[in-house]
Amino acid sequence: MIAMDLARVAAVVGVPVQDGWAEVTVTSVEFDTRRVTPGALFVALRGERVDGAAFAAAARAAGAVAVLAAEPVEAGLPVLAVGAPAAGEPENGPVLTALAHLARESVRRLVDEHDLEVVGVTGSSGKTSTKDLIAAVLAAATPAGSEAVIAPPESFNNELGHPYTALRATPDTRFLVLELSARGPGHVAWLASIAPPRIGAVLNVGSAHLGEFGSVEAIATAKAELVEALPPESAGGVAVLNADDGRVAAMAALTAARVVLVGGAPTATVRAQDARQDDSARSSFTLVTPNGTAPVSLRVVGEHQVGNALTAAAIGEAVGMDVATIAAALSAAEPASRWRMEVTELPGGITVVNDAYNANPHSVKAALRALATMGAAGRRTWAVLGEMAELGDGAAAAHDEIGRLVVRLGIGQLLVVDPLEAAREAERAGPAVPGMSGSLLAPTARRSAGRALYLGAHLEGSWDGEAELVPGVDQAVDILLGDLAQGDVVLVKASRSVGLEQVALRVIEGLRARAAAPAPDATSTTGTTSATGTDGTGDRA
C-alpha cells in the first residue's frame, strides 16, 4: 500500500484515532500474524474457530503499529474499532468494508501519483490460470520483472482477498492484476469500485454458481459489471472479450471502452493460428495480432489455455508491448497456482494432474479433454471426479453430462468420490426401526451429484468395471495405489468443498515412497500377480 499516517487511515475508514497515535505510519496491511512486518496494520478477523483479536499482541510483537477490528482490543496498540455487524450483516462485514475503503484510497493514490495500471479479469472459469498468464506477460513489460507486478496468490478474489491484494501494491508496482468473482448481483461492480481497472477481460459465461444466480443470463449480467465499470476509450479503457462466447461478445455494447475480441471467431483480432497439442496436452500456435505474429509454445496444460493466453496477449498489447515479447513471455510462463492442472511426473512413468482446486461443468470438460489428449499415445487414463457444487436445479443433469463425456472421450477408468455413498451403505445395512423399510427412511434416496455422474457414464457406455463409485478419499487412494501401472495418467478434479486434492497428494506421496523403498527379495515373492494388482490390464471386475 502507499504509506499513510494513522490519522489518514482512520479518516478513510471513518473512525477517530486515539490521542498520541495520529502520526504513526502504516506501510502494509495483514490479517495473518505470520506475515506481519514492521509498520503493518493488523486486521483482526473473526473466524469459525478463532478470533483474530486474540492475536493482536502477537501482531504487535511482530511489528504491527495498529489494529483494525470490529470492537476495542487490548494490545498496547491504537485500535481502529469500526463497530460490530448489524443484524443480518456478515460477521466481518464492517471490518471488510473498512478494508475496502482503505484499498480504494491506496489504489487511487498509486494510480494518480505513480501511474499504477489496474487490470481486472472475470469469468465463470479460468480466472486464476488467466490471471497467472497475464502477470507473466506484464512482468516482461518492465525492467523490474515480476517484482513490479502484483497479482493475487491462489484465488484471492472475494471480499477479503480482493482488497488485500490491492493493498499489496506499492509505489514500485507497475501493474496490479485482479480476479473478480461474482457471488451475486452487484458483487463484481463492488469489487471493481475498490480498484477500478483500466483494462478488463471477461473470459466466459457458464453455469458455475448457477444455484446462486438462478439462470445463465443472470450470471452474464453479473460478469458484465466489469465491462460496465471500465473507463471510456478516450480515457484509455480497454475491454478484452471472448469472441467465441456469444454472451461475452455481446458485452461490447455495454461499454464505451475500446473493445478487443479474442478467440477463433472471424471477428477476433487476437487469435491463434495453426494451434496443435503435443502428447502432454501442451499447445503451440502462432499468435496473430493487429501488430504482427509470433510463435508460442505454452508450458501450461490443456487446449483451453490457448484462449487464456490470447486474453493475456491482448492485455499485453493494450499496455504497449510488442508481439514478440508477449509470445516469449507466454512461452516461458510456468503454472503458478497450485491444484490447477498441476502436473507431477512420478517414478514408473505415472503422471498425476491435480486440478482439484475447484470445478464447474466448463472447467471439468476442459480438464477431461486434456486428459484424453495425454492418453492418445496409448497411456491408460484415470478420471477421479467429485461433485461440482452450486449448480442448483441443474446439478443432476450437469453431472450426468460429465459422466457421459468421460465415456465419449475414451477415458480408461473413472473413480467418482461421493461421501453420500457412506450414508447409502448405512441405509442398505438395515433400518434403524424394526419392521420399517430402509428405503422409506432413506434421507439420501435422491440421486446425489456423484451418483448422477457415475450413472451417466454407465448409461453412455454400459461399462463393466471401468467406473467405480466410492464414499471417500481413503477408498479412492487405496484403489489408485493398488491399480496404477506404468504410464498411467490420473486427473483429479472436483469442487473445493470435496477436498479431492488429498487424493492427488496422497497418491503422489505413496508412489514416491514406494519408489524409494528397497526392492523386495525376489526369492520371497510368490504367485504371478500382476504389478497392477488386478488381472494385468488394470481393469476392475
Foldseek 3Di string as FASTA:
>chain_A
DEKDFVCVLLVLLPFHWDPPRRRQIAQAEEQDLVPAAARYAHEFPDDPVDTSLVCLQSNVVRHYAEYEYCDDGPRPHIYNHQHADDVPADRCRSSLVSLLSVLLVVLVCLCVPQVAAEEEEEELDDQVVLLLLLLLLVLLVDPNRSVQEFEFAAQLAASPSLSNSSRVHYSSHRYYYHYHYDQAAPRSLSSCSSNPHLEYEYQEQDLALCLRQVDSVSSLNRSLSNQLSHDACVVLHEYEFEPVYVSGVVSVVNHNHHYAYEEDDPPHQWYWAPWDADLQQWIKTWTGHPQGIDIATAPQHFPVVRSSLSSSQVVSVSVPDHNHSSRVSRNPRDDDHPQCQDWDQFPLREIEGRNAAFDDLVSLLRVLLRQLSNCPVPAAEEEEEEAHPNSNPCLLVSLLVSLLVNVVSPHQAYEYAAQCVVLVVVLVVDDPDPPDHSVVVRPPPPQDSSNSNQVSNCVNPVDDQRYDYHNALVVLLVLCLQADHRRYYYYYYHGNVRVRSVNVVVNRVVRNVVVPDDDDDPVPDDDDQASRNDNPPSGGD
